[in-house]
Amino acid sequence: SMGLVMQALGATGKFYAPREWDCAQA
């Protein structure tokens, strides 16, 4: 699931951010 989840978090980060996530760690 990593690929799609990271795509979703990256694409929607400016509109919806329930909490910060560590992109570098992922």
mmCIF file of all heavy atoms, coordinates in Angstrom:
data_MODEL
# 
_entry.id   MODEL 
# 
loop_
_atom_site.group_PDB 
_atom_site.id 
_atom_site.type_symbol 
_atom_site.label_atom_id 
_atom_site.label_alt_id 
_atom_site.label_comp_id 
_atom_site.label_asym_id 
_atom_site.label_entity_id 
_atom_site.label_seq_id 
_atom_site.pdbx_PDB_ins_code 
_atom_site.Cartn_x 
_atom_site.Cartn_y 
_atom_site.Cartn_z 
_atom_site.occupancy 
_atom_site.B_iso_or_equiv 
_atom_site.pdbx_formal_charge 
_atom_site.auth_seq_id 
_atom_site.auth_comp_id 
_atom_site.auth_asym_id 
_atom_site.auth_atom_id 
_atom_site.pdbx_PDB_model_num 
ATOM 1   N N   . SER A 1 1  ? 0.810  -1.221 0.000  1.00 0.00 ? 1  SER A N   1 
ATOM 2   C CA  . SER A 1 1  ? 0.000  0.000  0.000  1.00 0.00 ? 1  SER A CA  1 
ATOM 3   C C   . SER A 1 1  ? 0.840  1.266  0.000  1.00 0.00 ? 1  SER A C   1 
ATOM 4   O O   . SER A 1 1  ? 0.317  2.355  -0.223 1.00 0.00 ? 1  SER A O   1 
ATOM 5   C CB  . SER A 1 1  ? -0.943 0.012  1.209  1.00 0.00 ? 1  SER A CB  1 
ATOM 6   O OG  . SER A 1 1  ? -0.209 0.022  2.413  1.00 0.00 ? 1  SER A OG  1 
ATOM 7   N N   . MET A 1 2  ? 2.138  1.143  0.253  1.00 0.00 ? 2  MET A N   1 
ATOM 8   C CA  . MET A 1 2  ? 2.991  2.321  0.417  1.00 0.00 ? 2  MET A CA  1 
ATOM 9   C C   . MET A 1 2  ? 2.919  3.279  -0.765 1.00 0.00 ? 2  MET A C   1 
ATOM 10  O O   . MET A 1 2  ? 2.787  4.491  -0.595 1.00 0.00 ? 2  MET A O   1 
ATOM 11  C CB  . MET A 1 2  ? 4.450  1.903  0.637  1.00 0.00 ? 2  MET A CB  1 
ATOM 12  C CG  . MET A 1 2  ? 4.740  1.346  2.007  1.00 0.00 ? 2  MET A CG  1 
ATOM 13  S SD  . MET A 1 2  ? 4.726  2.593  3.320  1.00 0.00 ? 2  MET A SD  1 
ATOM 14  C CE  . MET A 1 2  ? 6.253  3.458  3.002  1.00 0.00 ? 2  MET A CE  1 
ATOM 15  N N   . GLY A 1 3  ? 3.039  2.755  -1.983 1.00 0.00 ? 3  GLY A N   1 
ATOM 16  C CA  . GLY A 1 3  ? 3.070  3.615  -3.161 1.00 0.00 ? 3  GLY A CA  1 
ATOM 17  C C   . GLY A 1 3  ? 1.843  4.494  -3.292 1.00 0.00 ? 3  GLY A C   1 
ATOM 18  O O   . GLY A 1 3  ? 1.947  5.723  -3.435 1.00 0.00 ? 3  GLY A O   1 
ATOM 19  N N   . LEU A 1 4  ? 0.668  3.886  -3.225 1.00 0.00 ? 4  LEU A N   1 
ATOM 20  C CA  . LEU A 1 4  ? -0.571 4.657  -3.392 1.00 0.00 ? 4  LEU A CA  1 
ATOM 21  C C   . LEU A 1 4  ? -0.816 5.601  -2.226 1.00 0.00 ? 4  LEU A C   1 
ATOM 22  O O   . LEU A 1 4  ? -1.259 6.738  -2.413 1.00 0.00 ? 4  LEU A O   1 
ATOM 23  C CB  . LEU A 1 4  ? -1.767 3.716  -3.559 1.00 0.00 ? 4  LEU A CB  1 
ATOM 24  C CG  . LEU A 1 4  ? -1.921 3.071  -4.930 1.00 0.00 ? 4  LEU A CG  1 
ATOM 25  C CD1 . LEU A 1 4  ? -3.153 2.185  -4.966 1.00 0.00 ? 4  LEU A CD1 1 
ATOM 26  C CD2 . LEU A 1 4  ? -2.005 4.114  -6.036 1.00 0.00 ? 4  LEU A CD2 1 
ATOM 27  N N   . VAL A 1 5  ? -0.523 5.154  -1.007 1.00 0.00 ? 5  VAL A N   1 
ATOM 28  C CA  . VAL A 1 5  ? -0.742 6.010  0.158  1.00 0.00 ? 5  VAL A CA  1 
ATOM 29  C C   . VAL A 1 5  ? 0.167  7.237  0.093  1.00 0.00 ? 5  VAL A C   1 
ATOM 30  O O   . VAL A 1 5  ? -0.273 8.368  0.346  1.00 0.00 ? 5  VAL A O   1 
ATOM 31  C CB  . VAL A 1 5  ? -0.503 5.238  1.469  1.00 0.00 ? 5  VAL A CB  1 
ATOM 32  C CG1 . VAL A 1 5  ? -0.519 6.176  2.657  1.00 0.00 ? 5  VAL A CG1 1 
ATOM 33  C CG2 . VAL A 1 5  ? -1.553 4.158  1.655  1.00 0.00 ? 5  VAL A CG2 1 
ATOM 34  N N   . MET A 1 6  ? 1.429  7.041  -0.280 1.00 0.00 ? 6  MET A N   1 
ATOM 35  C CA  . MET A 1 6  ? 2.344  8.174  -0.367 1.00 0.00 ? 6  MET A CA  1 
ATOM 36  C C   . MET A 1 6  ? 1.944  9.126  -1.491 1.00 0.00 ? 6  MET A C   1 
ATOM 37  O O   . MET A 1 6  ? 2.075  10.341 -1.370 1.00 0.00 ? 6  MET A O   1 
ATOM 38  C CB  . MET A 1 6  ? 3.773  7.676  -0.558 1.00 0.00 ? 6  MET A CB  1 
ATOM 39  C CG  . MET A 1 6  ? 4.322  7.003  0.700  1.00 0.00 ? 6  MET A CG  1 
ATOM 40  S SD  . MET A 1 6  ? 5.994  6.380  0.497  1.00 0.00 ? 6  MET A SD  1 
ATOM 41  C CE  . MET A 1 6  ? 6.905  7.924  0.374  1.00 0.00 ? 6  MET A CE  1 
ATOM 42  N N   . GLN A 1 7  ? 1.424  8.571  -2.589 1.00 0.00 ? 7  GLN A N   1 
ATOM 43  C CA  . GLN A 1 7  ? 0.910  9.430  -3.659 1.00 0.00 ? 7  GLN A CA  1 
ATOM 44  C C   . GLN A 1 7  ? -0.247 10.282 -3.142 1.00 0.00 ? 7  GLN A C   1 
ATOM 45  O O   . GLN A 1 7  ? -0.313 11.488 -3.391 1.00 0.00 ? 7  GLN A O   1 
ATOM 46  C CB  . GLN A 1 7  ? 0.417  8.583  -4.835 1.00 0.00 ? 7  GLN A CB  1 
ATOM 47  C CG  . GLN A 1 7  ? 1.497  8.018  -5.712 1.00 0.00 ? 7  GLN A CG  1 
ATOM 48  C CD  . GLN A 1 7  ? 0.914  7.394  -6.961 1.00 0.00 ? 7  GLN A CD  1 
ATOM 49  O OE1 . GLN A 1 7  ? 0.180  8.034  -7.692 1.00 0.00 ? 7  GLN A OE1 1 
ATOM 50  N NE2 . GLN A 1 7  ? 1.254  6.133  -7.200 1.00 0.00 ? 7  GLN A NE2 1 
ATOM 51  N N   . ALA A 1 8  ? -1.167 9.631  -2.407 1.00 0.00 ? 8  ALA A N   1 
ATOM 52  C CA  . ALA A 1 8  ? -2.330 10.346 -1.892 1.00 0.00 ? 8  ALA A CA  1 
ATOM 53  C C   . ALA A 1 8  ? -1.926 11.431 -0.903 1.00 0.00 ? 8  ALA A C   1 
ATOM 54  O O   . ALA A 1 8  ? -2.421 12.567 -0.967 1.00 0.00 ? 8  ALA A O   1 
ATOM 55  C CB  . ALA A 1 8  ? -3.305 9.366  -1.240 1.00 0.00 ? 8  ALA A CB  1 
ATOM 56  N N   . LEU A 1 9  ? -1.013 11.105 0.011  1.00 0.00 ? 9  LEU A N   1 
ATOM 57  C CA  . LEU A 1 9  ? -0.577 12.094 1.004  1.00 0.00 ? 9  LEU A CA  1 
ATOM 58  C C   . LEU A 1 9  ? 0.148  13.261 0.337  1.00 0.00 ? 9  LEU A C   1 
ATOM 59  O O   . LEU A 1 9  ? -0.026 14.419 0.712  1.00 0.00 ? 9  LEU A O   1 
ATOM 60  C CB  . LEU A 1 9  ? 0.327  11.429 2.039  1.00 0.00 ? 9  LEU A CB  1 
ATOM 61  C CG  . LEU A 1 9  ? -0.371 10.489 3.020  1.00 0.00 ? 9  LEU A CG  1 
ATOM 62  C CD1 . LEU A 1 9  ? 0.651  9.726  3.852  1.00 0.00 ? 9  LEU A CD1 1 
ATOM 63  C CD2 . LEU A 1 9  ? -1.318 11.246 3.926  1.00 0.00 ? 9  LEU A CD2 1 
ATOM 64  N N   . GLY A 1 10 ? 0.961  12.950 -0.679 1.00 0.00 ? 10 GLY A N   1 
ATOM 65  C CA  . GLY A 1 10 ? 1.675  14.010 -1.373 1.00 0.00 ? 10 GLY A CA  1 
ATOM 66  C C   . GLY A 1 10 ? 0.757  14.907 -2.179 1.00 0.00 ? 10 GLY A C   1 
ATOM 67  O O   . GLY A 1 10 ? 0.932  16.126 -2.228 1.00 0.00 ? 10 GLY A O   1 
ATOM 68  N N   . ALA A 1 11 ? -0.271 14.303 -2.817 1.00 0.00 ? 11 ALA A N   1 
ATOM 69  C CA  . ALA A 1 11 ? -1.166 15.067 -3.676 1.00 0.00 ? 11 ALA A CA  1 
ATOM 70  C C   . ALA A 1 11 ? -2.163 15.898 -2.886 1.00 0.00 ? 11 ALA A C   1 
ATOM 71  O O   . ALA A 1 11 ? -2.611 16.953 -3.353 1.00 0.00 ? 11 ALA A O   1 
ATOM 72  C CB  . ALA A 1 11 ? -1.915 14.119 -4.618 1.00 0.00 ? 11 ALA A CB  1 
ATOM 73  N N   . THR A 1 12 ? -2.532 15.457 -1.693 1.00 0.00 ? 12 THR A N   1 
ATOM 74  C CA  . THR A 1 12 ? -3.578 16.157 -0.937 1.00 0.00 ? 12 THR A CA  1 
ATOM 75  C C   . THR A 1 12 ? -3.034 16.928 0.254  1.00 0.00 ? 12 THR A C   1 
ATOM 76  O O   . THR A 1 12 ? -3.801 17.514 1.005  1.00 0.00 ? 12 THR A O   1 
ATOM 77  C CB  . THR A 1 12 ? -4.634 15.155 -0.426 1.00 0.00 ? 12 THR A CB  1 
ATOM 78  O OG1 . THR A 1 12 ? -3.995 14.212 0.451  1.00 0.00 ? 12 THR A OG1 1 
ATOM 79  C CG2 . THR A 1 12 ? -5.281 14.407 -1.577 1.00 0.00 ? 12 THR A CG2 1 
ATOM 80  N N   . GLY A 1 13 ? -1.724 16.939 0.421  1.00 0.00 ? 13 GLY A N   1 
ATOM 81  C CA  . GLY A 1 13 ? -1.124 17.568 1.594  1.00 0.00 ? 13 GLY A CA  1 
ATOM 82  C C   . GLY A 1 13 ? -1.521 19.013 1.807  1.00 0.00 ? 13 GLY A C   1 
ATOM 83  O O   . GLY A 1 13 ? -1.729 19.461 2.930  1.00 0.00 ? 13 GLY A O   1 
ATOM 84  N N   . LYS A 1 14 ? -1.657 19.787 0.720  1.00 0.00 ? 14 LYS A N   1 
ATOM 85  C CA  . LYS A 1 14 ? -1.994 21.203 0.882  1.00 0.00 ? 14 LYS A CA  1 
ATOM 86  C C   . LYS A 1 14 ? -3.470 21.435 1.182  1.00 0.00 ? 14 LYS A C   1 
ATOM 87  O O   . LYS A 1 14 ? -3.858 22.486 1.625  1.00 0.00 ? 14 LYS A O   1 
ATOM 88  C CB  . LYS A 1 14 ? -1.595 22.019 -0.332 1.00 0.00 ? 14 LYS A CB  1 
ATOM 89  C CG  . LYS A 1 14 ? -1.759 21.353 -1.660 1.00 0.00 ? 14 LYS A CG  1 
ATOM 90  C CD  . LYS A 1 14 ? -1.344 22.264 -2.795 1.00 0.00 ? 14 LYS A CD  1 
ATOM 91  C CE  . LYS A 1 14 ? 0.013  21.892 -3.312 1.00 0.00 ? 14 LYS A CE  1 
ATOM 92  N NZ  . LYS A 1 14 ? 0.269  22.297 -4.667 1.00 0.00 ? 14 LYS A NZ  1 
ATOM 93  N N   . PHE A 1 15 ? -4.291 20.414 0.927  1.00 0.00 ? 15 PHE A N   1 
ATOM 94  C CA  . PHE A 1 15 ? -5.734 20.577 1.149  1.00 0.00 ? 15 PHE A CA  1 
ATOM 95  C C   . PHE A 1 15 ? -6.216 19.888 2.419  1.00 0.00 ? 15 PHE A C   1 
ATOM 96  O O   . PHE A 1 15 ? -7.167 20.323 3.049  1.00 0.00 ? 15 PHE A O   1 
ATOM 97  C CB  . PHE A 1 15 ? -6.506 19.994 -0.040 1.00 0.00 ? 15 PHE A CB  1 
ATOM 98  C CG  . PHE A 1 15 ? -6.073 20.548 -1.357 1.00 0.00 ? 15 PHE A CG  1 
ATOM 99  C CD1 . PHE A 1 15 ? -5.352 19.769 -2.238 1.00 0.00 ? 15 PHE A CD1 1 
ATOM 100 C CD2 . PHE A 1 15 ? -6.351 21.855 -1.708 1.00 0.00 ? 15 PHE A CD2 1 
ATOM 101 C CE1 . PHE A 1 15 ? -4.930 20.276 -3.456 1.00 0.00 ? 15 PHE A CE1 1 
ATOM 102 C CE2 . PHE A 1 15 ? -5.932 22.368 -2.917 1.00 0.00 ? 15 PHE A CE2 1 
ATOM 103 C CZ  . PHE A 1 15 ? -5.221 21.581 -3.791 1.00 0.00 ? 15 PHE A CZ  1 
ATOM 104 N N   . TYR A 1 16 ? -5.565 18.778 2.762  1.00 0.00 ? 16 TYR A N   1 
ATOM 105 C CA  . TYR A 1 16 ? -6.052 17.999 3.896  1.00 0.00 ? 16 TYR A CA  1 
ATOM 106 C C   . TYR A 1 16 ? -4.861 17.421 4.628  1.00 0.00 ? 16 TYR A C   1 
ATOM 107 O O   . TYR A 1 16 ? -4.114 16.623 4.079  1.00 0.00 ? 16 TYR A O   1 
ATOM 108 C CB  . TYR A 1 16 ? -6.957 16.865 3.401  1.00 0.00 ? 16 TYR A CB  1 
ATOM 109 C CG  . TYR A 1 16 ? -7.396 15.890 4.479  1.00 0.00 ? 16 TYR A CG  1 
ATOM 110 C CD1 . TYR A 1 16 ? -8.232 16.310 5.510  1.00 0.00 ? 16 TYR A CD1 1 
ATOM 111 C CD2 . TYR A 1 16 ? -6.961 14.578 4.466  1.00 0.00 ? 16 TYR A CD2 1 
ATOM 112 C CE1 . TYR A 1 16 ? -8.621 15.421 6.498  1.00 0.00 ? 16 TYR A CE1 1 
ATOM 113 C CE2 . TYR A 1 16 ? -7.353 13.682 5.444  1.00 0.00 ? 16 TYR A CE2 1 
ATOM 114 C CZ  . TYR A 1 16 ? -8.184 14.108 6.459  1.00 0.00 ? 16 TYR A CZ  1 
ATOM 115 O OH  . TYR A 1 16 ? -8.571 13.236 7.435  1.00 0.00 ? 16 TYR A OH  1 
ATOM 116 N N   . ALA A 1 17 ? -4.660 17.844 5.842  1.00 0.00 ? 17 ALA A N   1 
ATOM 117 C CA  . ALA A 1 17 ? -3.517 17.356 6.626  1.00 0.00 ? 17 ALA A CA  1 
ATOM 118 C C   . ALA A 1 17 ? -3.960 17.057 8.045  1.00 0.00 ? 17 ALA A C   1 
ATOM 119 O O   . ALA A 1 17 ? -3.856 17.882 8.937  1.00 0.00 ? 17 ALA A O   1 
ATOM 120 C CB  . ALA A 1 17 ? -2.403 18.398 6.633  1.00 0.00 ? 17 ALA A CB  1 
ATOM 121 N N   . PRO A 1 18 ? -4.506 15.838 8.286  1.00 0.00 ? 18 PRO A N   1 
ATOM 122 C CA  . PRO A 1 18 ? -4.954 15.493 9.639  1.00 0.00 ? 18 PRO A CA  1 
ATOM 123 C C   . PRO A 1 18 ? -3.805 15.507 10.641 1.00 0.00 ? 18 PRO A C   1 
ATOM 124 O O   . PRO A 1 18 ? -3.979 15.820 11.791 1.00 0.00 ? 18 PRO A O   1 
ATOM 125 C CB  . PRO A 1 18 ? -5.539 14.095 9.486  1.00 0.00 ? 18 PRO A CB  1 
ATOM 126 C CG  . PRO A 1 18 ? -4.907 13.549 8.240  1.00 0.00 ? 18 PRO A CG  1 
ATOM 127 C CD  . PRO A 1 18 ? -4.664 14.734 7.350  1.00 0.00 ? 18 PRO A CD  1 
ATOM 128 N N   . ARG A 1 19 ? -2.617 15.157 10.188 1.00 0.00 ? 19 ARG A N   1 
ATOM 129 C CA  . ARG A 1 19 ? -1.428 15.245 11.032 1.00 0.00 ? 19 ARG A CA  1 
ATOM 130 C C   . ARG A 1 19 ? -0.214 15.172 10.115 1.00 0.00 ? 19 ARG A C   1 
ATOM 131 O O   . ARG A 1 19 ? -0.303 14.715 8.985  1.00 0.00 ? 19 ARG A O   1 
ATOM 132 C CB  . ARG A 1 19 ? -1.379 14.141 12.076 1.00 0.00 ? 19 ARG A CB  1 
ATOM 133 C CG  . ARG A 1 19 ? -1.245 12.742 11.532 1.00 0.00 ? 19 ARG A CG  1 
ATOM 134 C CD  . ARG A 1 19 ? -1.283 11.734 12.688 1.00 0.00 ? 19 ARG A CD  1 
ATOM 135 N NE  . ARG A 1 19 ? -1.199 10.383 12.226 1.00 0.00 ? 19 ARG A NE  1 
ATOM 136 C CZ  . ARG A 1 19 ? -0.068 9.709  12.035 1.00 0.00 ? 19 ARG A CZ  1 
ATOM 137 N NH1 . ARG A 1 19 ? 1.094  10.294 12.253 1.00 0.00 ? 19 ARG A NH1 1 
ATOM 138 N NH2 . ARG A 1 19 ? -0.073 8.465  11.619 1.00 0.00 ? 19 ARG A NH2 1 
ATOM 139 N N   . GLU A 1 20 ? 0.892  15.643 10.610 1.00 0.00 ? 20 GLU A N   1 
ATOM 140 C CA  . GLU A 1 20 ? 2.104  15.611 9.813  1.00 0.00 ? 20 GLU A CA  1 
ATOM 141 C C   . GLU A 1 20 ? 2.605  14.180 9.669  1.00 0.00 ? 20 GLU A C   1 
ATOM 142 O O   . GLU A 1 20 ? 2.453  13.365 10.571 1.00 0.00 ? 20 GLU A O   1 
ATOM 143 C CB  . GLU A 1 20 ? 3.192  16.476 10.459 1.00 0.00 ? 20 GLU A CB  1 
ATOM 144 C CG  . GLU A 1 20 ? 2.909  17.951 10.372 1.00 0.00 ? 20 GLU A CG  1 
ATOM 145 C CD  . GLU A 1 20 ? 4.085  18.787 10.875 1.00 0.00 ? 20 GLU A CD  1 
ATOM 146 O OE1 . GLU A 1 20 ? 5.173  18.204 11.072 1.00 0.00 ? 20 GLU A OE1 1 
ATOM 147 O OE2 . GLU A 1 20 ? 3.906  19.987 11.049 1.00 0.00 ? 20 GLU A OE2 1 
ATOM 148 N N   . TRP A 1 21 ? 3.194  13.867 8.525  1.00 0.00 ? 21 TRP A N   1 
ATOM 149 C CA  . TRP A 1 21 ? 3.805  12.564 8.329  1.00 0.00 ? 21 TRP A CA  1 
ATOM 150 C C   . TRP A 1 21 ? 5.214  12.780 7.808  1.00 0.00 ? 21 TRP A C   1 
ATOM 151 O O   . TRP A 1 21 ? 5.514  13.763 7.141  1.00 0.00 ? 21 TRP A O   1 
ATOM 152 C CB  . TRP A 1 21 ? 2.981  11.700 7.381  1.00 0.00 ? 21 TRP A CB  1 
ATOM 153 C CG  . TRP A 1 21 ? 2.895  12.207 5.971  1.00 0.00 ? 21 TRP A CG  1 
ATOM 154 C CD1 . TRP A 1 21 ? 2.196  13.283 5.525  1.00 0.00 ? 21 TRP A CD1 1 
ATOM 155 C CD2 . TRP A 1 21 ? 3.556  11.665 4.827  1.00 0.00 ? 21 TRP A CD2 1 
ATOM 156 N NE1 . TRP A 1 21 ? 2.365  13.443 4.186  1.00 0.00 ? 21 TRP A NE1 1 
ATOM 157 C CE2 . TRP A 1 21 ? 3.192  12.460 3.718  1.00 0.00 ? 21 TRP A CE2 1 
ATOM 158 C CE3 . TRP A 1 21 ? 4.407  10.573 4.629  1.00 0.00 ? 21 TRP A CE3 1 
ATOM 159 C CZ2 . TRP A 1 21 ? 3.656  12.210 2.438  1.00 0.00 ? 21 TRP A CZ2 1 
ATOM 160 C CZ3 . TRP A 1 21 ? 4.861  10.325 3.341  1.00 0.00 ? 21 TRP A CZ3 1 
ATOM 161 C CH2 . TRP A 1 21 ? 4.487  11.124 2.269  1.00 0.00 ? 21 TRP A CH2 1 
ATOM 162 N N   . ASP A 1 22 ? 6.083  11.866 8.146  1.00 0.00 ? 22 ASP A N   1 
ATOM 163 C CA  . ASP A 1 22 ? 7.496  11.982 7.809  1.00 0.00 ? 22 ASP A CA  1 
ATOM 164 C C   . ASP A 1 22 ? 7.746  11.345 6.453  1.00 0.00 ? 22 ASP A C   1 
ATOM 165 O O   . ASP A 1 22 ? 7.926  10.133 6.338  1.00 0.00 ? 22 ASP A O   1 
ATOM 166 C CB  . ASP A 1 22 ? 8.335  11.293 8.891  1.00 0.00 ? 22 ASP A CB  1 
ATOM 167 C CG  . ASP A 1 22 ? 9.825  11.594 8.741  1.00 0.00 ? 22 ASP A CG  1 
ATOM 168 O OD1 . ASP A 1 22 ? 10.249 11.944 7.623  1.00 0.00 ? 22 ASP A OD1 1 
ATOM 169 O OD2 . ASP A 1 22 ? 10.541 11.482 9.745  1.00 0.00 ? 22 ASP A OD2 1 
ATOM 170 N N   . CYS A 1 23 ? 7.742  12.189 5.410  1.00 0.00 ? 23 CYS A N   1 
ATOM 171 C CA  . CYS A 1 23 ? 7.924  11.697 4.048  1.00 0.00 ? 23 CYS A CA  1 
ATOM 172 C C   . CYS A 1 23 ? 9.281  11.018 3.887  1.00 0.00 ? 23 CYS A C   1 
ATOM 173 O O   . CYS A 1 23 ? 9.395  9.968  3.247  1.00 0.00 ? 23 CYS A O   1 
ATOM 174 C CB  . CYS A 1 23 ? 7.788  12.855 3.065  1.00 0.00 ? 23 CYS A CB  1 
ATOM 175 S SG  . CYS A 1 23 ? 8.038  12.389 1.336  1.00 0.00 ? 23 CYS A SG  1 
ATOM 176 N N   . ALA A 1 24 ? 10.326 11.602 4.470  1.00 0.00 ? 24 ALA A N   1 
ATOM 177 C CA  . ALA A 1 24 ? 11.670 11.039 4.327  1.00 0.00 ? 24 ALA A CA  1 
ATOM 178 C C   . ALA A 1 24 ? 11.751 9.645  4.946  1.00 0.00 ? 24 ALA A C   1 
ATOM 179 O O   . ALA A 1 24 ? 12.393 8.746  4.404  1.00 0.00 ? 24 ALA A O   1 
ATOM 180 C CB  . ALA A 1 24 ? 12.693 11.963 4.978  1.00 0.00 ? 24 ALA A CB  1 
ATOM 181 N N   . GLN A 1 25 ? 11.082 9.461  6.081  1.00 0.00 ? 25 GLN A N   1 
ATOM 182 C CA  . GLN A 1 25 ? 11.108 8.156  6.739  1.00 0.00 ? 25 GLN A CA  1 
ATOM 183 C C   . GLN A 1 25 ? 10.364 7.124  5.891  1.00 0.00 ? 25 GLN A C   1 
ATOM 184 O O   . GLN A 1 25 ? 10.807 5.986  5.746  1.00 0.00 ? 25 GLN A O   1 
ATOM 185 C CB  . GLN A 1 25 ? 10.484 8.261  8.130  1.00 0.00 ? 25 GLN A CB  1 
ATOM 186 C CG  . GLN A 1 25 ? 10.673 6.999  8.957  1.00 0.00 ? 25 GLN A CG  1 
ATOM 187 C CD  . GLN A 1 25 ? 10.022 7.097  10.322 1.00 0.00 ? 25 GLN A CD  1 
ATOM 188 O OE1 . GLN A 1 25 ? 8.983  7.723  10.470 1.00 0.00 ? 25 GLN A OE1 1 
ATOM 189 N NE2 . GLN A 1 25 ? 10.637 6.483  11.326 1.00 0.00 ? 25 GLN A NE2 1 
ATOM 190 N N   . ALA A 1 26 ? 9.229  7.534  5.314  1.00 0.00 ? 26 ALA A N   1 
ATOM 191 C CA  . ALA A 1 26 ? 8.474  6.623  4.452  1.00 0.00 ? 26 ALA A CA  1 
ATOM 192 C C   . ALA A 1 26 ? 9.280  6.275  3.201  1.00 0.00 ? 26 ALA A C   1 
ATOM 193 O O   . ALA A 1 26 ? 9.297  5.128  2.750  1.00 0.00 ? 26 ALA A O   1 
ATOM 194 C CB  . ALA A 1 26 ? 7.137  7.254  4.072  1.00 0.00 ? 26 ALA A CB  1 
# 
